Amino acid sequence: MSLNFKPYKTIWFNPKHTFQSFNINQSNNTTIYYIPFFVLGISFGLSVGNEVSLLIDANPPWSQKLIIFLLSSLIGICFIAFFFGLIVPWVTHLKGKIWNGTASKKEITNVYSLSLIPYILFVPYQLTLLVFRLNPSHESINAGFQFLLWIISIRALIIGISTVQKFSYSISLLNILLAVLPFLMMSLIMKA
């Protein structure tokens, strides 16, 4: 991999260049970027940790809460890596074949990983809340901050899928929506 390739910096303002550089550098490389999955898993674990601790005890001691946050973060890492590292890229790859998409599952996995980089900013925010013994759930994070990161992430995902699948942006968006729609439907059914 080229030493000039800095996806953690370039994804913010120049995602197309990031994914184009990534495709060129990936030709002889089997690397998958798992760091964003790892960090998002920690964020997910910190978000649900408070609810899990309330299932065990109505007013658990702080040391018990920390252990629960750690365990829920480990479970979150496994869940996020499985879901965004295997399931969603596989479905995206499968749905992309409708429009003769050219990307491999590994390339799509890396697009999902790199497009999740903005969410890395959740963890310092959540850890700050945790230090002050506040609830580090996603509901406690500023909605404007979440929306901004979501926009940056979705933009990067659409550009990334477009780049690796050789699609237009509209077909790329459709590819992503068709891949995620079954999971959204299951989520809505489970909430009803």
N, C-alpha and C. Protein backbone atom coordinates (compact mmCIF):
# COMPACT_ATOMS: atom_id res chain seq x y z
N MET A 1 0.83 -1.18 0.00
CA MET A 1 0.00 0.00 0.00
C MET A 1 0.87 1.24 0.00
N SER A 2 0.45 2.21 -0.73
CA SER A 2 1.20 3.45 -0.85
C SER A 2 1.25 4.21 0.47
N LEU A 3 2.39 4.82 0.73
CA LEU A 3 2.53 5.61 1.95
C LEU A 3 1.73 6.90 1.87
N ASN A 4 1.35 7.33 0.66
CA ASN A 4 0.57 8.55 0.49
C ASN A 4 -0.91 8.33 0.76
N PHE A 5 -1.33 7.09 0.88
CA PHE A 5 -2.74 6.78 1.05
C PHE A 5 -3.13 6.95 2.51
N LYS A 6 -3.92 7.99 2.77
CA LYS A 6 -4.34 8.29 4.14
C LYS A 6 -5.87 8.37 4.17
N PRO A 7 -6.56 7.23 4.18
CA PRO A 7 -8.02 7.28 4.09
C PRO A 7 -8.67 7.95 5.28
N TYR A 8 -8.03 7.90 6.44
CA TYR A 8 -8.63 8.50 7.63
C TYR A 8 -8.63 10.02 7.56
N LYS A 9 -7.83 10.59 6.66
CA LYS A 9 -7.82 12.04 6.46
C LYS A 9 -8.60 12.43 5.21
N THR A 10 -8.41 11.69 4.12
CA THR A 10 -8.98 12.11 2.84
C THR A 10 -10.46 11.79 2.69
N ILE A 11 -10.99 10.86 3.47
CA ILE A 11 -12.40 10.46 3.32
C ILE A 11 -13.35 11.62 3.61
N TRP A 12 -12.91 12.58 4.42
CA TRP A 12 -13.78 13.67 4.85
C TRP A 12 -14.14 14.63 3.72
N PHE A 13 -13.14 15.04 2.95
CA PHE A 13 -13.36 16.09 1.95
C PHE A 13 -13.16 15.63 0.51
N ASN A 14 -12.53 14.48 0.32
CA ASN A 14 -12.29 14.01 -1.03
C ASN A 14 -12.50 12.49 -1.10
N PRO A 15 -13.74 12.03 -0.86
CA PRO A 15 -13.97 10.59 -0.83
C PRO A 15 -13.74 9.90 -2.17
N LYS A 16 -14.04 10.57 -3.27
CA LYS A 16 -13.83 9.94 -4.59
C LYS A 16 -12.35 9.61 -4.79
N HIS A 17 -11.47 10.56 -4.48
CA HIS A 17 -10.03 10.32 -4.58
C HIS A 17 -9.62 9.19 -3.63
N THR A 18 -10.20 9.17 -2.44
CA THR A 18 -9.88 8.12 -1.46
C THR A 18 -10.19 6.75 -2.03
N PHE A 19 -11.39 6.58 -2.59
CA PHE A 19 -11.78 5.28 -3.11
C PHE A 19 -11.04 4.92 -4.39
N GLN A 20 -10.74 5.91 -5.23
CA GLN A 20 -9.95 5.63 -6.43
C GLN A 20 -8.54 5.20 -6.05
N SER A 21 -7.92 5.89 -5.10
CA SER A 21 -6.58 5.50 -4.63
C SER A 21 -6.64 4.13 -3.99
N PHE A 22 -7.70 3.89 -3.26
CA PHE A 22 -7.85 2.61 -2.58
C PHE A 22 -7.95 1.48 -3.58
N ASN A 23 -8.72 1.66 -4.66
CA ASN A 23 -8.85 0.63 -5.68
C ASN A 23 -7.52 0.34 -6.35
N ILE A 24 -6.75 1.38 -6.66
CA ILE A 24 -5.44 1.20 -7.29
C ILE A 24 -4.51 0.44 -6.35
N ASN A 25 -4.52 0.82 -5.08
CA ASN A 25 -3.63 0.19 -4.10
C ASN A 25 -4.09 -1.21 -3.71
N GLN A 26 -5.36 -1.54 -3.93
CA GLN A 26 -5.89 -2.83 -3.52
C GLN A 26 -5.61 -3.94 -4.52
N SER A 27 -5.13 -3.63 -5.70
CA SER A 27 -4.98 -4.64 -6.73
C SER A 27 -4.12 -5.83 -6.28
N ASN A 28 -3.10 -5.60 -5.49
CA ASN A 28 -2.24 -6.69 -5.03
C ASN A 28 -2.32 -6.88 -3.51
N ASN A 29 -3.35 -6.39 -2.90
CA ASN A 29 -3.43 -6.40 -1.45
C ASN A 29 -4.75 -7.04 -1.01
N THR A 30 -4.69 -7.80 0.06
CA THR A 30 -5.90 -8.43 0.57
C THR A 30 -6.35 -7.80 1.88
N THR A 31 -5.86 -6.63 2.20
CA THR A 31 -6.18 -5.97 3.45
C THR A 31 -7.64 -5.53 3.48
N ILE A 32 -8.25 -5.73 4.62
CA ILE A 32 -9.57 -5.16 4.88
C ILE A 32 -9.42 -4.25 6.07
N TYR A 33 -9.95 -3.05 5.95
CA TYR A 33 -9.86 -2.07 7.04
C TYR A 33 -10.90 -2.38 8.10
N TYR A 34 -10.46 -2.97 9.20
CA TYR A 34 -11.40 -3.33 10.28
C TYR A 34 -11.43 -2.29 11.39
N ILE A 35 -10.53 -1.32 11.40
CA ILE A 35 -10.49 -0.34 12.50
C ILE A 35 -11.82 0.41 12.64
N PRO A 36 -12.44 0.91 11.56
CA PRO A 36 -13.74 1.57 11.75
C PRO A 36 -14.81 0.63 12.32
N PHE A 37 -14.80 -0.65 11.91
CA PHE A 37 -15.75 -1.60 12.49
C PHE A 37 -15.49 -1.76 13.98
N PHE A 38 -14.22 -1.85 14.34
CA PHE A 38 -13.82 -2.00 15.74
C PHE A 38 -14.30 -0.80 16.57
N VAL A 39 -14.04 0.40 16.08
CA VAL A 39 -14.40 1.61 16.82
C VAL A 39 -15.92 1.78 16.87
N LEU A 40 -16.61 1.51 15.77
CA LEU A 40 -18.07 1.61 15.78
C LEU A 40 -18.68 0.57 16.72
N GLY A 41 -18.06 -0.60 16.81
CA GLY A 41 -18.51 -1.63 17.76
C GLY A 41 -18.38 -1.16 19.20
N ILE A 42 -17.28 -0.48 19.51
CA ILE A 42 -17.11 0.09 20.85
C ILE A 42 -18.20 1.12 21.11
N SER A 43 -18.47 1.96 20.13
CA SER A 43 -19.52 2.98 20.26
C SER A 43 -20.88 2.33 20.49
N PHE A 44 -21.17 1.29 19.73
CA PHE A 44 -22.43 0.57 19.89
C PHE A 44 -22.52 -0.04 21.29
N GLY A 45 -21.43 -0.64 21.75
CA GLY A 45 -21.41 -1.24 23.09
C GLY A 45 -21.60 -0.21 24.18
N LEU A 46 -20.95 0.94 24.04
CA LEU A 46 -21.12 2.01 25.03
C LEU A 46 -22.56 2.53 25.02
N SER A 47 -23.17 2.52 23.85
CA SER A 47 -24.54 3.02 23.73
C SER A 47 -25.55 2.12 24.44
N VAL A 48 -25.38 0.81 24.32
CA VAL A 48 -26.35 -0.11 24.94
C VAL A 48 -25.94 -0.56 26.33
N GLY A 49 -24.72 -0.26 26.74
CA GLY A 49 -24.21 -0.72 28.04
C GLY A 49 -25.05 -0.28 29.22
N ASN A 50 -25.55 0.94 29.19
CA ASN A 50 -26.35 1.44 30.30
C ASN A 50 -27.65 0.65 30.45
N GLU A 51 -28.31 0.35 29.33
CA GLU A 51 -29.55 -0.43 29.37
C GLU A 51 -29.28 -1.85 29.86
N VAL A 52 -28.17 -2.43 29.44
CA VAL A 52 -27.82 -3.77 29.89
C VAL A 52 -27.56 -3.77 31.40
N SER A 53 -26.88 -2.75 31.89
CA SER A 53 -26.61 -2.69 33.34
C SER A 53 -27.91 -2.53 34.13
N LEU A 54 -28.90 -1.84 33.57
CA LEU A 54 -30.19 -1.70 34.25
C LEU A 54 -30.97 -3.01 34.28
N LEU A 55 -30.72 -3.90 33.33
CA LEU A 55 -31.35 -5.22 33.36
C LEU A 55 -30.84 -6.05 34.53
N ILE A 56 -29.59 -5.84 34.89
CA ILE A 56 -28.97 -6.61 35.97
C ILE A 56 -29.33 -6.04 37.33
N ASP A 57 -29.27 -4.73 37.46
CA ASP A 57 -29.53 -4.08 38.74
C ASP A 57 -30.06 -2.67 38.48
N ALA A 58 -31.02 -2.25 39.29
CA ALA A 58 -31.62 -0.92 39.10
C ALA A 58 -30.62 0.19 39.36
N ASN A 59 -29.71 -0.02 40.28
CA ASN A 59 -28.70 0.99 40.60
C ASN A 59 -27.36 0.30 40.82
N PRO A 60 -26.74 -0.19 39.72
CA PRO A 60 -25.49 -0.94 39.87
C PRO A 60 -24.33 -0.04 40.28
N PRO A 61 -23.37 -0.61 41.02
CA PRO A 61 -22.18 0.18 41.35
C PRO A 61 -21.40 0.52 40.07
N TRP A 62 -20.61 1.59 40.15
CA TRP A 62 -19.89 2.08 38.98
C TRP A 62 -18.93 1.04 38.41
N SER A 63 -18.29 0.26 39.28
CA SER A 63 -17.35 -0.76 38.79
C SER A 63 -18.08 -1.82 37.98
N GLN A 64 -19.27 -2.18 38.40
CA GLN A 64 -20.06 -3.16 37.65
C GLN A 64 -20.49 -2.57 36.30
N LYS A 65 -20.84 -1.30 36.30
CA LYS A 65 -21.21 -0.64 35.04
C LYS A 65 -20.04 -0.64 34.05
N LEU A 66 -18.83 -0.38 34.55
CA LEU A 66 -17.66 -0.36 33.67
C LEU A 66 -17.42 -1.73 33.04
N ILE A 67 -17.59 -2.79 33.84
CA ILE A 67 -17.43 -4.15 33.31
C ILE A 67 -18.49 -4.42 32.24
N ILE A 68 -19.71 -3.98 32.51
CA ILE A 68 -20.79 -4.18 31.53
C ILE A 68 -20.51 -3.38 30.26
N PHE A 69 -20.00 -2.14 30.39
CA PHE A 69 -19.65 -1.36 29.21
C PHE A 69 -18.56 -2.07 28.40
N LEU A 70 -17.59 -2.65 29.08
CA LEU A 70 -16.52 -3.38 28.39
C LEU A 70 -17.07 -4.60 27.66
N LEU A 71 -17.88 -5.39 28.34
CA LEU A 71 -18.44 -6.59 27.71
C LEU A 71 -19.39 -6.24 26.56
N SER A 72 -20.22 -5.22 26.76
CA SER A 72 -21.13 -4.84 25.68
C SER A 72 -20.35 -4.26 24.49
N SER A 73 -19.22 -3.64 24.75
CA SER A 73 -18.37 -3.15 23.64
C SER A 73 -17.76 -4.31 22.87
N LEU A 74 -17.34 -5.35 23.57
CA LEU A 74 -16.80 -6.53 22.88
C LEU A 74 -17.87 -7.20 22.01
N ILE A 75 -19.07 -7.30 22.56
CA ILE A 75 -20.18 -7.87 21.78
C ILE A 75 -20.51 -6.94 20.61
N GLY A 76 -20.48 -5.64 20.85
CA GLY A 76 -20.73 -4.67 19.78
C GLY A 76 -19.72 -4.78 18.66
N ILE A 77 -18.46 -4.98 19.00
CA ILE A 77 -17.41 -5.14 17.98
C ILE A 77 -17.72 -6.36 17.11
N CYS A 78 -18.07 -7.47 17.75
CA CYS A 78 -18.39 -8.69 17.00
C CYS A 78 -19.61 -8.48 16.10
N PHE A 79 -20.64 -7.84 16.65
CA PHE A 79 -21.87 -7.60 15.88
C PHE A 79 -21.61 -6.69 14.68
N ILE A 80 -20.95 -5.57 14.91
CA ILE A 80 -20.70 -4.61 13.82
C ILE A 80 -19.79 -5.22 12.76
N ALA A 81 -18.74 -5.93 13.18
CA ALA A 81 -17.84 -6.56 12.21
C ALA A 81 -18.58 -7.61 11.39
N PHE A 82 -19.46 -8.37 12.03
CA PHE A 82 -20.24 -9.38 11.31
C PHE A 82 -21.24 -8.72 10.36
N PHE A 83 -21.96 -7.72 10.86
CA PHE A 83 -23.03 -7.11 10.08
C PHE A 83 -22.47 -6.26 8.93
N PHE A 84 -21.57 -5.32 9.25
CA PHE A 84 -21.03 -4.43 8.22
C PHE A 84 -19.82 -5.01 7.50
N GLY A 85 -19.21 -6.04 8.07
CA GLY A 85 -18.04 -6.65 7.45
C GLY A 85 -18.37 -7.84 6.57
N LEU A 86 -19.53 -8.48 6.84
CA LEU A 86 -19.89 -9.66 6.06
C LEU A 86 -21.27 -9.56 5.41
N ILE A 87 -22.29 -9.37 6.23
CA ILE A 87 -23.67 -9.47 5.75
C ILE A 87 -24.03 -8.35 4.76
N VAL A 88 -23.91 -7.10 5.18
CA VAL A 88 -24.32 -5.98 4.32
C VAL A 88 -23.48 -5.92 3.03
N PRO A 89 -22.15 -6.09 3.09
CA PRO A 89 -21.40 -6.09 1.82
C PRO A 89 -21.80 -7.25 0.89
N TRP A 90 -22.10 -8.41 1.47
CA TRP A 90 -22.52 -9.54 0.66
C TRP A 90 -23.83 -9.23 -0.06
N VAL A 91 -24.81 -8.67 0.69
CA VAL A 91 -26.10 -8.31 0.09
C VAL A 91 -25.91 -7.20 -0.95
N THR A 92 -25.06 -6.22 -0.65
CA THR A 92 -24.78 -5.15 -1.61
C THR A 92 -24.16 -5.72 -2.89
N HIS A 93 -23.23 -6.64 -2.73
CA HIS A 93 -22.59 -7.30 -3.87
C HIS A 93 -23.63 -8.06 -4.70
N LEU A 94 -24.50 -8.79 -4.00
CA LEU A 94 -25.54 -9.57 -4.66
C LEU A 94 -26.51 -8.67 -5.42
N LYS A 95 -26.97 -7.60 -4.79
CA LYS A 95 -27.90 -6.67 -5.44
C LYS A 95 -27.20 -5.89 -6.55
N GLY A 96 -25.91 -5.63 -6.41
CA GLY A 96 -25.16 -4.91 -7.43
C GLY A 96 -25.02 -5.69 -8.72
N LYS A 97 -25.14 -7.01 -8.64
CA LYS A 97 -25.06 -7.84 -9.85
C LYS A 97 -26.25 -7.58 -10.79
N ILE A 98 -27.34 -7.02 -10.24
CA ILE A 98 -28.50 -6.67 -11.08
C ILE A 98 -28.06 -5.69 -12.18
N TRP A 99 -27.18 -4.76 -11.82
CA TRP A 99 -26.72 -3.73 -12.76
C TRP A 99 -25.30 -4.03 -13.24
N ASN A 100 -24.88 -5.28 -13.16
CA ASN A 100 -23.56 -5.72 -13.60
C ASN A 100 -22.43 -5.02 -12.85
N GLY A 101 -22.56 -4.93 -11.54
CA GLY A 101 -21.51 -4.35 -10.71
C GLY A 101 -20.23 -5.16 -10.80
N THR A 102 -19.10 -4.49 -10.78
CA THR A 102 -17.82 -5.16 -11.00
C THR A 102 -17.00 -5.38 -9.73
N ALA A 103 -17.47 -4.89 -8.60
CA ALA A 103 -16.66 -4.95 -7.38
C ALA A 103 -16.73 -6.33 -6.73
N SER A 104 -15.64 -6.68 -6.06
CA SER A 104 -15.63 -7.90 -5.26
C SER A 104 -16.24 -7.61 -3.89
N LYS A 105 -16.55 -8.68 -3.16
CA LYS A 105 -17.10 -8.50 -1.80
C LYS A 105 -16.10 -7.79 -0.90
N LYS A 106 -14.81 -8.08 -1.09
CA LYS A 106 -13.77 -7.43 -0.28
C LYS A 106 -13.73 -5.93 -0.54
N GLU A 107 -13.85 -5.53 -1.79
CA GLU A 107 -13.86 -4.10 -2.11
C GLU A 107 -15.07 -3.41 -1.49
N ILE A 108 -16.21 -4.06 -1.55
CA ILE A 108 -17.42 -3.47 -0.96
C ILE A 108 -17.30 -3.41 0.56
N THR A 109 -16.71 -4.43 1.16
CA THR A 109 -16.47 -4.40 2.62
C THR A 109 -15.59 -3.21 2.98
N ASN A 110 -14.56 -2.98 2.21
CA ASN A 110 -13.68 -1.84 2.48
C ASN A 110 -14.38 -0.50 2.26
N VAL A 111 -15.29 -0.44 1.30
CA VAL A 111 -16.07 0.79 1.10
C VAL A 111 -16.93 1.06 2.33
N TYR A 112 -17.60 0.02 2.83
CA TYR A 112 -18.41 0.21 4.04
C TYR A 112 -17.52 0.62 5.21
N SER A 113 -16.38 -0.01 5.33
CA SER A 113 -15.47 0.32 6.43
C SER A 113 -14.99 1.76 6.34
N LEU A 114 -14.51 2.16 5.18
CA LEU A 114 -14.00 3.52 5.02
C LEU A 114 -15.10 4.57 5.15
N SER A 115 -16.31 4.22 4.74
CA SER A 115 -17.40 5.20 4.87
C SER A 115 -17.87 5.35 6.31
N LEU A 116 -17.51 4.43 7.18
CA LEU A 116 -17.85 4.53 8.61
C LEU A 116 -16.82 5.34 9.40
N ILE A 117 -15.75 5.77 8.77
CA ILE A 117 -14.70 6.52 9.46
C ILE A 117 -15.25 7.74 10.21
N PRO A 118 -16.19 8.51 9.66
CA PRO A 118 -16.69 9.66 10.43
C PRO A 118 -17.26 9.29 11.80
N TYR A 119 -17.82 8.10 11.91
CA TYR A 119 -18.40 7.68 13.19
C TYR A 119 -17.35 7.42 14.27
N ILE A 120 -16.09 7.42 13.88
CA ILE A 120 -15.02 7.27 14.87
C ILE A 120 -15.09 8.41 15.89
N LEU A 121 -15.63 9.56 15.48
CA LEU A 121 -15.74 10.70 16.39
C LEU A 121 -16.77 10.48 17.50
N PHE A 122 -17.63 9.48 17.36
CA PHE A 122 -18.58 9.18 18.44
C PHE A 122 -17.87 8.75 19.72
N VAL A 123 -16.84 7.93 19.58
CA VAL A 123 -16.21 7.32 20.76
C VAL A 123 -15.60 8.35 21.71
N PRO A 124 -14.80 9.32 21.25
CA PRO A 124 -14.31 10.31 22.21
C PRO A 124 -15.44 11.07 22.91
N TYR A 125 -16.49 11.36 22.17
CA TYR A 125 -17.66 12.04 22.74
C TYR A 125 -18.28 11.16 23.83
N GLN A 126 -18.46 9.87 23.52
CA GLN A 126 -19.05 8.95 24.48
C GLN A 126 -18.14 8.73 25.69
N LEU A 127 -16.84 8.64 25.46
CA LEU A 127 -15.91 8.45 26.57
C LEU A 127 -15.90 9.67 27.49
N THR A 128 -16.06 10.85 26.91
CA THR A 128 -16.16 12.07 27.73
C THR A 128 -17.40 12.00 28.61
N LEU A 129 -18.52 11.57 28.04
CA LEU A 129 -19.74 11.40 28.84
C LEU A 129 -19.53 10.37 29.94
N LEU A 130 -18.83 9.29 29.61
CA LEU A 130 -18.58 8.22 30.58
C LEU A 130 -17.69 8.70 31.72
N VAL A 131 -16.68 9.51 31.42
CA VAL A 131 -15.79 10.05 32.45
C VAL A 131 -16.58 10.88 33.46
N PHE A 132 -17.56 11.62 32.96
CA PHE A 132 -18.39 12.44 33.84
C PHE A 132 -19.59 11.66 34.40
N ARG A 133 -19.55 10.34 34.24
CA ARG A 133 -20.59 9.43 34.73
C ARG A 133 -21.97 9.76 34.19
N LEU A 134 -21.99 10.15 32.93
CA LEU A 134 -23.24 10.39 32.23
C LEU A 134 -23.50 9.22 31.29
N ASN A 135 -24.70 9.10 30.82
CA ASN A 135 -25.08 8.01 29.93
C ASN A 135 -24.43 8.20 28.55
N PRO A 136 -23.55 7.27 28.12
CA PRO A 136 -22.87 7.44 26.83
C PRO A 136 -23.65 6.88 25.64
N SER A 137 -24.98 6.80 25.75
CA SER A 137 -25.76 6.25 24.64
C SER A 137 -25.79 7.24 23.47
N HIS A 138 -26.18 6.73 22.32
CA HIS A 138 -26.25 7.58 21.13
C HIS A 138 -27.30 8.68 21.29
N GLU A 139 -28.30 8.43 22.14
CA GLU A 139 -29.32 9.46 22.38
C GLU A 139 -28.73 10.66 23.11
N SER A 140 -27.61 10.47 23.81
CA SER A 140 -26.97 11.57 24.54
C SER A 140 -26.05 12.41 23.67
N ILE A 141 -25.79 11.94 22.47
CA ILE A 141 -24.91 12.67 21.55
C ILE A 141 -25.74 13.72 20.81
N ASN A 142 -25.18 14.88 20.64
CA ASN A 142 -25.85 15.99 19.98
C ASN A 142 -26.41 15.55 18.63
N ALA A 143 -27.70 15.82 18.41
CA ALA A 143 -28.37 15.39 17.18
C ALA A 143 -27.77 16.05 15.93
N GLY A 144 -27.38 17.30 16.03
CA GLY A 144 -26.76 17.98 14.89
C GLY A 144 -25.43 17.34 14.51
N PHE A 145 -24.66 16.97 15.53
CA PHE A 145 -23.38 16.29 15.33
C PHE A 145 -23.61 14.94 14.66
N GLN A 146 -24.60 14.19 15.15
CA GLN A 146 -24.92 12.89 14.55
C GLN A 146 -25.36 13.04 13.10
N PHE A 147 -26.20 14.04 12.83
CA PHE A 147 -26.70 14.26 11.48
C PHE A 147 -25.55 14.61 10.52
N LEU A 148 -24.65 15.47 10.97
CA LEU A 148 -23.50 15.85 10.15
C LEU A 148 -22.64 14.63 9.80
N LEU A 149 -22.34 13.79 10.80
CA LEU A 149 -21.54 12.59 10.55
C LEU A 149 -22.29 11.62 9.63
N TRP A 150 -23.60 11.53 9.81
CA TRP A 150 -24.41 10.65 8.97
C TRP A 150 -24.34 11.11 7.52
N ILE A 151 -24.47 12.41 7.27
CA ILE A 151 -24.41 12.95 5.90
C ILE A 151 -23.05 12.66 5.28
N ILE A 152 -21.98 12.91 6.02
CA ILE A 152 -20.63 12.66 5.50
C ILE A 152 -20.44 11.18 5.20
N SER A 153 -20.94 10.32 6.07
CA SER A 153 -20.80 8.88 5.90
C SER A 153 -21.61 8.37 4.71
N ILE A 154 -22.85 8.80 4.59
CA ILE A 154 -23.69 8.37 3.46
C ILE A 154 -23.11 8.86 2.14
N ARG A 155 -22.63 10.09 2.13
CA ARG A 155 -22.00 10.64 0.93
C ARG A 155 -20.80 9.78 0.52
N ALA A 156 -19.97 9.45 1.50
CA ALA A 156 -18.79 8.62 1.21
C ALA A 156 -19.21 7.23 0.73
N LEU A 157 -20.27 6.67 1.33
CA LEU A 157 -20.73 5.34 0.94
C LEU A 157 -21.24 5.34 -0.50
N ILE A 158 -22.03 6.33 -0.86
CA ILE A 158 -22.56 6.41 -2.23
C ILE A 158 -21.42 6.58 -3.23
N ILE A 159 -20.48 7.46 -2.93
CA ILE A 159 -19.34 7.67 -3.82
C ILE A 159 -18.48 6.41 -3.90
N GLY A 160 -18.28 5.74 -2.77
CA GLY A 160 -17.46 4.53 -2.75
C GLY A 160 -18.08 3.39 -3.54
N ILE A 161 -19.37 3.14 -3.33
CA ILE A 161 -20.04 2.08 -4.09
C ILE A 161 -20.04 2.43 -5.58
N SER A 162 -20.27 3.69 -5.89
CA SER A 162 -20.23 4.14 -7.28
C SER A 162 -18.86 3.88 -7.90
N THR A 163 -17.81 4.14 -7.15
CA THR A 163 -16.45 3.97 -7.66
C THR A 163 -16.10 2.50 -7.88
N VAL A 164 -16.34 1.65 -6.88
CA VAL A 164 -15.91 0.26 -7.01
C VAL A 164 -16.84 -0.57 -7.90
N GLN A 165 -18.13 -0.23 -7.92
CA GLN A 165 -19.07 -0.98 -8.76
C GLN A 165 -19.15 -0.43 -10.18
N LYS A 166 -18.54 0.74 -10.42
CA LYS A 166 -18.60 1.41 -11.73
C LYS A 166 -20.06 1.78 -12.07
N PHE A 167 -20.75 2.38 -11.07
CA PHE A 167 -22.13 2.81 -11.23
C PHE A 167 -22.20 4.33 -11.22
N SER A 168 -23.35 4.85 -11.67
CA SER A 168 -23.64 6.27 -11.46
C SER A 168 -24.05 6.42 -9.99
N TYR A 169 -24.10 7.65 -9.51
CA TYR A 169 -24.46 7.88 -8.11
C TYR A 169 -25.89 7.42 -7.81
N SER A 170 -26.80 7.60 -8.76
CA SER A 170 -28.18 7.20 -8.51
C SER A 170 -28.31 5.67 -8.43
N ILE A 171 -27.63 4.95 -9.30
CA ILE A 171 -27.65 3.48 -9.24
C ILE A 171 -26.94 3.01 -7.98
N SER A 172 -25.89 3.70 -7.60
CA SER A 172 -25.18 3.37 -6.36
C SER A 172 -26.10 3.52 -5.16
N LEU A 173 -26.85 4.61 -5.11
CA LEU A 173 -27.80 4.82 -4.01
C LEU A 173 -28.87 3.74 -4.02
N LEU A 174 -29.37 3.39 -5.19
CA LEU A 174 -30.36 2.32 -5.31
C LEU A 174 -29.79 0.99 -4.85
N ASN A 175 -28.55 0.71 -5.21
CA ASN A 175 -27.87 -0.51 -4.78
C ASN A 175 -27.80 -0.59 -3.25
N ILE A 176 -27.43 0.51 -2.63
CA ILE A 176 -27.33 0.56 -1.16
C ILE A 176 -28.71 0.39 -0.53
N LEU A 177 -29.70 1.11 -1.05
CA LEU A 177 -31.06 1.02 -0.48
C LEU A 177 -31.62 -0.39 -0.60
N LEU A 178 -31.43 -1.04 -1.75
CA LEU A 178 -31.92 -2.41 -1.91
C LEU A 178 -31.20 -3.38 -0.98
N ALA A 179 -29.94 -3.10 -0.69
CA ALA A 179 -29.18 -3.97 0.21
C ALA A 179 -29.61 -3.80 1.65
N VAL A 180 -29.95 -2.58 2.04
CA VAL A 180 -30.26 -2.29 3.44
C VAL A 180 -31.75 -2.46 3.74
N LEU A 181 -32.60 -2.39 2.72
CA LEU A 181 -34.04 -2.45 2.91
C LEU A 181 -34.53 -3.67 3.70
N PRO A 182 -34.05 -4.88 3.43
CA PRO A 182 -34.52 -6.02 4.24
C PRO A 182 -34.22 -5.86 5.73
N PHE A 183 -33.08 -5.28 6.06
CA PHE A 183 -32.72 -5.09 7.47
C PHE A 183 -33.58 -4.01 8.11
N LEU A 184 -33.90 -2.96 7.34
CA LEU A 184 -34.79 -1.91 7.85
C LEU A 184 -36.19 -2.46 8.09
N MET A 185 -36.67 -3.30 7.18
CA MET A 185 -37.99 -3.90 7.34
C MET A 185 -38.03 -4.80 8.58
N MET A 186 -36.99 -5.61 8.78
CA MET A 186 -36.94 -6.45 9.98
C MET A 186 -36.94 -5.61 11.24
N SER A 187 -36.20 -4.52 11.21
CA SER A 187 -36.13 -3.63 12.37
C SER A 187 -37.49 -3.02 12.68
N LEU A 188 -38.20 -2.58 11.65
CA LEU A 188 -39.54 -2.01 11.84
C LEU A 188 -40.53 -3.05 12.36
N ILE A 189 -40.44 -4.27 11.85
CA ILE A 189 -41.33 -5.34 12.30
C ILE A 189 -41.06 -5.68 13.76
N MET A 190 -39.80 -5.71 14.15
CA MET A 190 -39.45 -6.04 15.54
C MET A 190 -39.89 -4.94 16.50
N LYS A 191 -39.92 -3.69 16.04
CA LYS A 191 -40.35 -2.59 16.91
C LYS A 191 -41.87 -2.53 17.05
N ALA A 192 -42.60 -3.11 16.09
CA ALA A 192 -44.07 -3.04 16.12
C ALA A 192 -44.66 -3.99 17.14
